[in-house]
Each structure stands twice: as C-alpha cells, then as structure tokens.
Protein backbone atom coordinates (compact mmCIF):
# COMPACT_ATOMS: atom_id res chain seq x y z
CA UNK A 1 -8.39 7.42 17.74
CA UNK A 2 -7.75 3.70 17.98
CA UNK A 3 -10.14 1.35 16.19
CA UNK A 4 -10.18 -2.40 16.72
CA UNK A 5 -12.12 -5.34 15.31
CA UNK A 6 -12.91 -3.87 11.92
CA UNK A 7 -14.49 -6.15 9.31
CA UNK A 8 -11.85 -7.69 7.03
CA UNK A 9 -13.40 -6.12 3.94
CA UNK A 10 -13.66 -2.59 5.35
CA UNK A 11 -11.67 0.11 3.60
CA UNK A 12 -9.84 1.03 6.83
CA UNK A 13 -8.75 -2.55 7.50
CA UNK A 14 -7.51 -2.97 3.93
CA UNK A 15 -5.65 0.35 4.00
CA UNK A 16 -4.10 -0.50 7.36
CA UNK A 17 -2.90 -3.81 5.92
CA UNK A 18 -1.02 -2.23 3.01
CA UNK A 19 -3.84 -2.50 0.49
CA UNK A 20 -4.52 -6.20 1.08
CA UNK A 21 -7.43 -7.77 2.88
CA UNK A 22 -6.25 -8.97 6.31
CA UNK A 23 -6.15 -12.67 7.04
CA UNK A 24 -9.22 -14.22 8.64
CA UNK A 25 -9.03 -16.59 11.59
CA UNK A 26 -9.37 -19.51 9.18
CA UNK A 27 -6.33 -18.37 7.18
CA UNK A 28 -4.27 -18.02 10.36
CA UNK A 29 -5.30 -21.51 11.46
CA UNK A 30 -4.44 -22.93 8.04
CA UNK A 31 -1.01 -21.32 8.20
CA UNK A 32 -0.46 -22.88 11.64
CA UNK A 33 -1.55 -26.26 10.30
CA UNK A 34 0.77 -25.87 7.31
CA UNK A 35 3.68 -25.23 9.69
CA UNK A 36 2.78 -28.31 11.73
CA UNK A 37 2.81 -30.50 8.63
CA UNK A 38 6.02 -28.96 7.32
CA UNK A 39 7.76 -29.62 10.63
CA UNK A 40 6.47 -33.15 11.20
CA UNK A 41 9.28 -35.68 11.59
CA UNK A 42 12.06 -33.10 11.93
CA UNK A 43 14.88 -33.79 14.35
CA UNK A 44 15.04 -31.91 17.63
CA UNK A 45 17.30 -28.89 17.52
CA UNK A 46 16.70 -28.09 13.86
CA UNK A 47 15.07 -24.73 13.21
CA UNK A 48 11.38 -24.99 12.38
CA UNK A 49 10.05 -24.34 8.90
CA UNK A 50 7.91 -21.20 8.92
CA UNK A 51 5.10 -20.24 6.58
CA UNK A 52 6.76 -17.89 4.07
CA UNK A 53 3.61 -15.86 3.40
CA UNK A 54 3.04 -15.23 7.10
CA UNK A 55 6.65 -14.13 7.59
CA UNK A 56 6.32 -11.71 4.67
CA UNK A 57 3.10 -10.23 6.06
CA UNK A 58 4.55 -9.89 9.56
CA UNK A 59 7.66 -8.09 8.32
CA UNK A 60 5.54 -5.63 6.31
CA UNK A 61 3.31 -4.96 9.31
CA UNK A 62 6.27 -4.38 11.61
CA UNK A 63 7.80 -1.93 9.13
CA UNK A 64 4.51 -0.03 8.89
CA UNK A 65 4.17 0.12 12.67
CA UNK A 66 7.71 1.43 13.00
CA UNK A 67 7.14 4.17 10.47
CA UNK A 68 3.87 5.15 12.17
CA UNK A 69 5.59 5.36 15.54
CA UNK A 70 8.37 7.52 14.08
CA UNK A 71 5.83 9.82 12.44
CA UNK A 72 3.85 10.13 15.68
CA UNK A 73 7.05 10.92 17.56
CA UNK A 74 7.99 13.62 15.04
CA UNK A 75 4.51 15.18 15.27
CA UNK A 76 4.68 15.21 19.08
CA UNK A 77 8.17 16.71 18.95
CA UNK A 78 6.96 19.48 16.60
CA UNK A 79 3.98 20.23 18.87
CA UNK A 80 6.26 20.43 21.90
CA UNK A 81 8.68 22.77 20.16
CA UNK A 82 5.80 24.95 19.01
CA UNK A 83 4.41 25.11 22.57
CA UNK A 84 7.83 26.00 23.96
CA UNK A 85 8.29 28.76 21.39
CA UNK A 86 4.83 30.15 22.22
CA UNK A 87 5.77 30.41 25.91
CA UNK A 88 8.94 32.36 25.19
C-alpha cells in the first residue's frame, strides 16, 4: 500500500523519515531562501552554495529508497522462484 500526505507528526511519517519529523513547507521555503542569500553576489560559473542540512536529508532519503527498492526486488524474486518451484 502506498500512503501519501501524512501529517508531519504521524508515527508513519516520522518512521519513514528515519526517526525525524519531516520538514514542513515553511522549512523547505526557508532553506530555499537561505540558499538565495548564500549565493547572492557570486560570480557566474561558480558552483552554488547548497543548504548543508537539506543535502544531508536528501542523501539519507535516497539511501533509504534504494534499500527499500532492493528489498522489494529480493521479495519479488523469492516469490517468483517459489512459484516456479511449485509448478515443477
């Protein structure tokens, strides 16, 4: 089952976010504003300054998604092998 738009303080949302309460829209907007201020006056061609907390959260989320996909693949593979053995 796929659940979307959970409240930030729900147990499922916190568990899905690695035990931390997910960012609200306000926190995302503040991070964007922080990046704008940090990059003001920089020369063209220089890499932009990114919000370090956001980068950390994104890397954790991507790692969790990857491990979930691998686990789902392994479960599907086991089910397929079991079905094939049952047919034999």
